[in-house]
């Protein structure tokens, strides 16, 4: 792993560590990335269940920068970044290894099960306050 990639991976870990509401240990970041597009999901293993955490907007550019560090013909499509026992491990999946027929949500759930087992995933409830954040006037 080259110096720039290692620095970007460390920076991503620092961003994940900003969530002080839940422990950093047993955190999984799964993200799919393409040109100007990032779909990050963060999960925390809390023992009897997995908690989905809203992804942080400040992950977008570090993930795009990390993706852009790869040679154009060797760019990965997904990253699995897991933190356990104070250390991170990152693995990359390339487009030829992704099933284009598999739903992204199903793929993400499969990755979560790979790391944390077949525990229920709890998503936060939608609040009425969230409605205004997704409305754009043209």
C-alpha atoms as a PDB file:
ATOM      1  CA  UNK A   1       0.000   0.000   0.000  1.00  0.00           C
ATOM      2  CA  UNK A   2       1.443   3.366  -0.949  1.00  0.00           C
ATOM      3  CA  UNK A   3       1.875   6.325   1.390  1.00  0.00           C
ATOM      4  CA  UNK A   4      -1.000   8.406  -0.058  1.00  0.00           C
ATOM      5  CA  UNK A   5      -3.473   5.523   0.153  1.00  0.00           C
ATOM      6  CA  UNK A   6      -2.450   4.769   3.724  1.00  0.00           C
ATOM      7  CA  UNK A   7      -2.880   8.452   4.678  1.00  0.00           C
ATOM      8  CA  UNK A   8      -6.349   8.585   3.105  1.00  0.00           C
ATOM      9  CA  UNK A   9      -7.394   5.402   4.906  1.00  0.00           C
ATOM     10  CA  UNK A  10      -6.152   6.872   8.198  1.00  0.00           C
ATOM     11  CA  UNK A  11      -8.093  10.086   7.505  1.00  0.00           C
ATOM     12  CA  UNK A  12     -11.264   8.057   6.930  1.00  0.00           C
ATOM     13  CA  UNK A  13     -10.704   6.348  10.285  1.00  0.00           C
ATOM     14  CA  UNK A  14     -10.358   9.742  11.962  1.00  0.00           C
ATOM     15  CA  UNK A  15     -13.667  10.837  10.463  1.00  0.00           C
ATOM     16  CA  UNK A  16     -15.356   7.663  11.708  1.00  0.00           C
ATOM     17  CA  UNK A  17     -13.889   8.318  15.182  1.00  0.00           C
ATOM     18  CA  UNK A  18     -15.781  11.619  15.352  1.00  0.00           C
ATOM     19  CA  UNK A  19     -18.972   9.693  16.179  1.00  0.00           C
ATOM     20  CA  UNK A  20     -18.650   9.743  19.959  1.00  0.00           C
ATOM     21  CA  UNK A  21     -22.200   8.595  20.656  1.00  0.00           C
ATOM     22  CA  UNK A  22     -21.217   4.962  20.056  1.00  0.00           C
ATOM     23  CA  UNK A  23     -17.888   3.133  20.398  1.00  0.00           C
ATOM     24  CA  UNK A  24     -15.514   3.149  17.436  1.00  0.00           C
ATOM     25  CA  UNK A  25     -14.689  -0.539  17.926  1.00  0.00           C
ATOM     26  CA  UNK A  26     -16.708  -2.857  15.659  1.00  0.00           C
ATOM     27  CA  UNK A  27     -17.534  -0.162  13.115  1.00  0.00           C
ATOM     28  CA  UNK A  28     -18.019  -1.007   9.453  1.00  0.00           C
ATOM     29  CA  UNK A  29     -17.991   1.501   6.636  1.00  0.00           C
ATOM     30  CA  UNK A  30     -19.246   0.049   3.375  1.00  0.00           C
ATOM     31  CA  UNK A  31     -19.201   2.422   0.424  1.00  0.00           C
ATOM     32  CA  UNK A  32     -19.662   2.110  -3.300  1.00  0.00           C
ATOM     33  CA  UNK A  33     -17.883   4.776  -5.343  1.00  0.00           C
ATOM     34  CA  UNK A  34     -17.840   5.888  -8.972  1.00  0.00           C
ATOM     35  CA  UNK A  35     -17.201   9.136 -10.853  1.00  0.00           C
ATOM     36  CA  UNK A  36     -18.696  11.964  -8.731  1.00  0.00           C
ATOM     37  CA  UNK A  37     -20.803   9.475  -6.807  1.00  0.00           C
ATOM     38  CA  UNK A  38     -20.436   7.948  -3.331  1.00  0.00           C
ATOM     39  CA  UNK A  39     -22.853   5.767  -1.387  1.00  0.00           C
ATOM     40  CA  UNK A  40     -21.434   5.287   2.135  1.00  0.00           C
ATOM     41  CA  UNK A  41     -23.121   3.296   4.899  1.00  0.00           C
ATOM     42  CA  UNK A  42     -21.854   3.023   8.472  1.00  0.00           C
ATOM     43  CA  UNK A  43     -22.767   0.197  10.826  1.00  0.00           C
ATOM     44  CA  UNK A  44     -21.953  -0.434  14.493  1.00  0.00           C
ATOM     45  CA  UNK A  45     -22.057  -3.899  16.073  1.00  0.00           C
ATOM     46  CA  UNK A  46     -23.737  -3.361  19.450  1.00  0.00           C
ATOM     47  CA  UNK A  47     -23.818  -7.005  20.500  1.00  0.00           C
ATOM     48  CA  UNK A  48     -27.387  -8.169  19.978  1.00  0.00           C
ATOM     49  CA  UNK A  49     -28.012  -5.968  16.939  1.00  0.00           C
ATOM     50  CA  UNK A  50     -26.333  -3.828  14.300  1.00  0.00           C
ATOM     51  CA  UNK A  51     -26.998  -0.098  14.328  1.00  0.00           C
ATOM     52  CA  UNK A  52     -27.009   1.867  11.093  1.00  0.00           C
ATOM     53  CA  UNK A  53     -25.483   5.299  11.540  1.00  0.00           C
ATOM     54  CA  UNK A  54     -26.165   8.091   9.109  1.00  0.00           C
ATOM     55  CA  UNK A  55     -23.097   8.595   7.000  1.00  0.00           C
ATOM     56  CA  UNK A  56     -21.188  11.772   7.450  1.00  0.00           C
ATOM     57  CA  UNK A  57     -21.059  14.222   4.575  1.00  0.00           C
ATOM     58  CA  UNK A  58     -17.384  14.718   5.359  1.00  0.00           C
ATOM     59  CA  UNK A  59     -16.706  11.152   4.103  1.00  0.00           C
ATOM     60  CA  UNK A  60     -17.664  11.991   0.518  1.00  0.00           C
ATOM     61  CA  UNK A  61     -14.511  13.750  -0.606  1.00  0.00           C
ATOM     62  CA  UNK A  62     -12.025  11.522   1.237  1.00  0.00           C
ATOM     63  CA  UNK A  63     -13.666   8.463  -0.357  1.00  0.00           C
ATOM     64  CA  UNK A  64     -13.603  10.075  -3.802  1.00  0.00           C
ATOM     65  CA  UNK A  65      -9.971  11.092  -3.269  1.00  0.00           C
ATOM     66  CA  UNK A  66      -9.042   7.572  -2.172  1.00  0.00           C
ATOM     67  CA  UNK A  67     -10.811   6.130  -5.217  1.00  0.00           C
ATOM     68  CA  UNK A  68      -9.038   8.590  -7.525  1.00  0.00           C
ATOM     69  CA  UNK A  69      -5.626   7.492  -6.213  1.00  0.00           C
ATOM     70  CA  UNK A  70      -6.066   4.176  -8.023  1.00  0.00           C
ATOM     71  CA  UNK A  71      -4.972   3.821 -11.624  1.00  0.00           C
ATOM     72  CA  UNK A  72      -7.885   4.451 -13.962  1.00  0.00           C
ATOM     73  CA  UNK A  73      -7.874   0.867 -15.232  1.00  0.00           C
ATOM     74  CA  UNK A  74      -7.618  -0.568 -11.681  1.00  0.00           C
ATOM     75  CA  UNK A  75     -10.199   1.476  -9.798  1.00  0.00           C
ATOM     76  CA  UNK A  76     -12.216  -0.313  -7.177  1.00  0.00           C
ATOM     77  CA  UNK A  77     -15.997  -0.029  -6.939  1.00  0.00           C
ATOM     78  CA  UNK A  78     -16.578  -0.731  -3.238  1.00  0.00           C
ATOM     79  CA  UNK A  79     -14.643  -0.464   0.003  1.00  0.00           C
ATOM     80  CA  UNK A  80     -15.184  -2.443   3.189  1.00  0.00           C
ATOM     81  CA  UNK A  81     -13.492  -0.602   6.058  1.00  0.00           C
ATOM     82  CA  UNK A  82     -13.822  -2.289   9.443  1.00  0.00           C
ATOM     83  CA  UNK A  83     -12.418  -1.160  12.790  1.00  0.00           C
ATOM     84  CA  UNK A  84     -11.742  -3.784  15.468  1.00  0.00           C
ATOM     85  CA  UNK A  85      -9.474  -3.682  18.505  1.00  0.00           C
ATOM     86  CA  UNK A  86      -8.170  -0.227  17.653  1.00  0.00           C
ATOM     87  CA  UNK A  87      -7.055  -1.202  14.134  1.00  0.00           C
ATOM     88  CA  UNK A  88      -8.653  -0.861  10.746  1.00  0.00           C
ATOM     89  CA  UNK A  89      -8.708  -3.269   7.853  1.00  0.00           C
ATOM     90  CA  UNK A  90      -9.765  -2.134   4.408  1.00  0.00           C
ATOM     91  CA  UNK A  91     -10.571  -4.318   1.443  1.00  0.00           C
ATOM     92  CA  UNK A  92     -11.636  -3.303  -2.029  1.00  0.00           C
ATOM     93  CA  UNK A  93     -14.026  -4.887  -4.509  1.00  0.00           C
ATOM     94  CA  UNK A  94     -13.655  -4.258  -8.226  1.00  0.00           C
ATOM     95  CA  UNK A  95     -16.522  -3.844 -10.687  1.00  0.00           C
ATOM     96  CA  UNK A  96     -15.922  -7.229 -12.318  1.00  0.00           C
ATOM     97  CA  UNK A  97     -16.487  -8.836  -8.899  1.00  0.00           C
ATOM     98  CA  UNK A  98     -19.846  -7.097  -8.315  1.00  0.00           C
ATOM     99  CA  UNK A  99     -23.006  -8.709  -9.618  1.00  0.00           C
ATOM    100  CA  UNK A 100     -24.757  -5.985 -11.653  1.00  0.00           C
ATOM    101  CA  UNK A 101     -28.086  -7.761 -11.052  1.00  0.00           C
ATOM    102  CA  UNK A 102     -27.700  -7.635  -7.252  1.00  0.00           C
ATOM    103  CA  UNK A 103     -29.542  -4.796  -5.556  1.00  0.00           C
ATOM    104  CA  UNK A 104     -27.118  -2.413  -3.812  1.00  0.00           C
ATOM    105  CA  UNK A 105     -29.096  -2.661  -0.572  1.00  0.00           C
ATOM    106  CA  UNK A 106     -28.958  -6.465  -0.672  1.00  0.00           C
ATOM    107  CA  UNK A 107     -25.228  -6.340  -1.391  1.00  0.00           C
ATOM    108  CA  UNK A 108     -24.679  -3.954   1.527  1.00  0.00           C
ATOM    109  CA  UNK A 109     -26.663  -6.206   3.903  1.00  0.00           C
ATOM    110  CA  UNK A 110     -24.621  -9.216   2.738  1.00  0.00           C
ATOM    111  CA  UNK A 111     -21.386  -7.362   3.553  1.00  0.00           C
ATOM    112  CA  UNK A 112     -22.699  -6.407   7.004  1.00  0.00           C
ATOM    113  CA  UNK A 113     -23.538 -10.083   7.719  1.00  0.00           C
ATOM    114  CA  UNK A 114     -20.039 -11.076   6.594  1.00  0.00           C
ATOM    115  CA  UNK A 115     -18.503  -8.966   9.373  1.00  0.00           C
ATOM    116  CA  UNK A 116     -21.123  -9.012  12.123  1.00  0.00           C
ATOM    117  CA  UNK A 117     -23.197 -12.145  11.551  1.00  0.00           C
ATOM    118  CA  UNK A 118     -26.910 -12.507  11.029  1.00  0.00           C
ATOM    119  CA  UNK A 119     -28.077  -9.933  13.569  1.00  0.00           C
ATOM    120  CA  UNK A 120     -30.967  -7.547  13.013  1.00  0.00           C
ATOM    121  CA  UNK A 121     -30.009  -4.161  11.577  1.00  0.00           C
ATOM    122  CA  UNK A 122     -31.742  -1.234  13.232  1.00  0.00           C
ATOM    123  CA  UNK A 123     -32.221   1.919  11.219  1.00  0.00           C
ATOM    124  CA  UNK A 124     -33.098   5.219  12.895  1.00  0.00           C
ATOM    125  CA  UNK A 125     -36.676   6.373  12.511  1.00  0.00           C
ATOM    126  CA  UNK A 126     -37.384   9.131  10.064  1.00  0.00           C
ATOM    127  CA  UNK A 127     -38.231  12.349  11.836  1.00  0.00           C
ATOM    128  CA  UNK A 128     -40.480  15.126  10.633  1.00  0.00           C
ATOM    129  CA  UNK A 129     -37.444  17.435  10.724  1.00  0.00           C
ATOM    130  CA  UNK A 130     -35.730  15.358   8.027  1.00  0.00           C
ATOM    131  CA  UNK A 131     -38.426  16.206   5.474  1.00  0.00           C
ATOM    132  CA  UNK A 132     -37.173  19.752   4.971  1.00  0.00           C
ATOM    133  CA  UNK A 133     -33.593  18.609   4.373  1.00  0.00           C
ATOM    134  CA  UNK A 134     -34.524  16.624   1.267  1.00  0.00           C
ATOM    135  CA  UNK A 135     -36.591  19.334  -0.406  1.00  0.00           C
ATOM    136  CA  UNK A 136     -34.924  21.395  -3.104  1.00  0.00           C
ATOM    137  CA  UNK A 137     -36.527  24.269  -4.913  1.00  0.00           C
ATOM    138  CA  UNK A 138     -35.636  24.751  -8.548  1.00  0.00           C
END
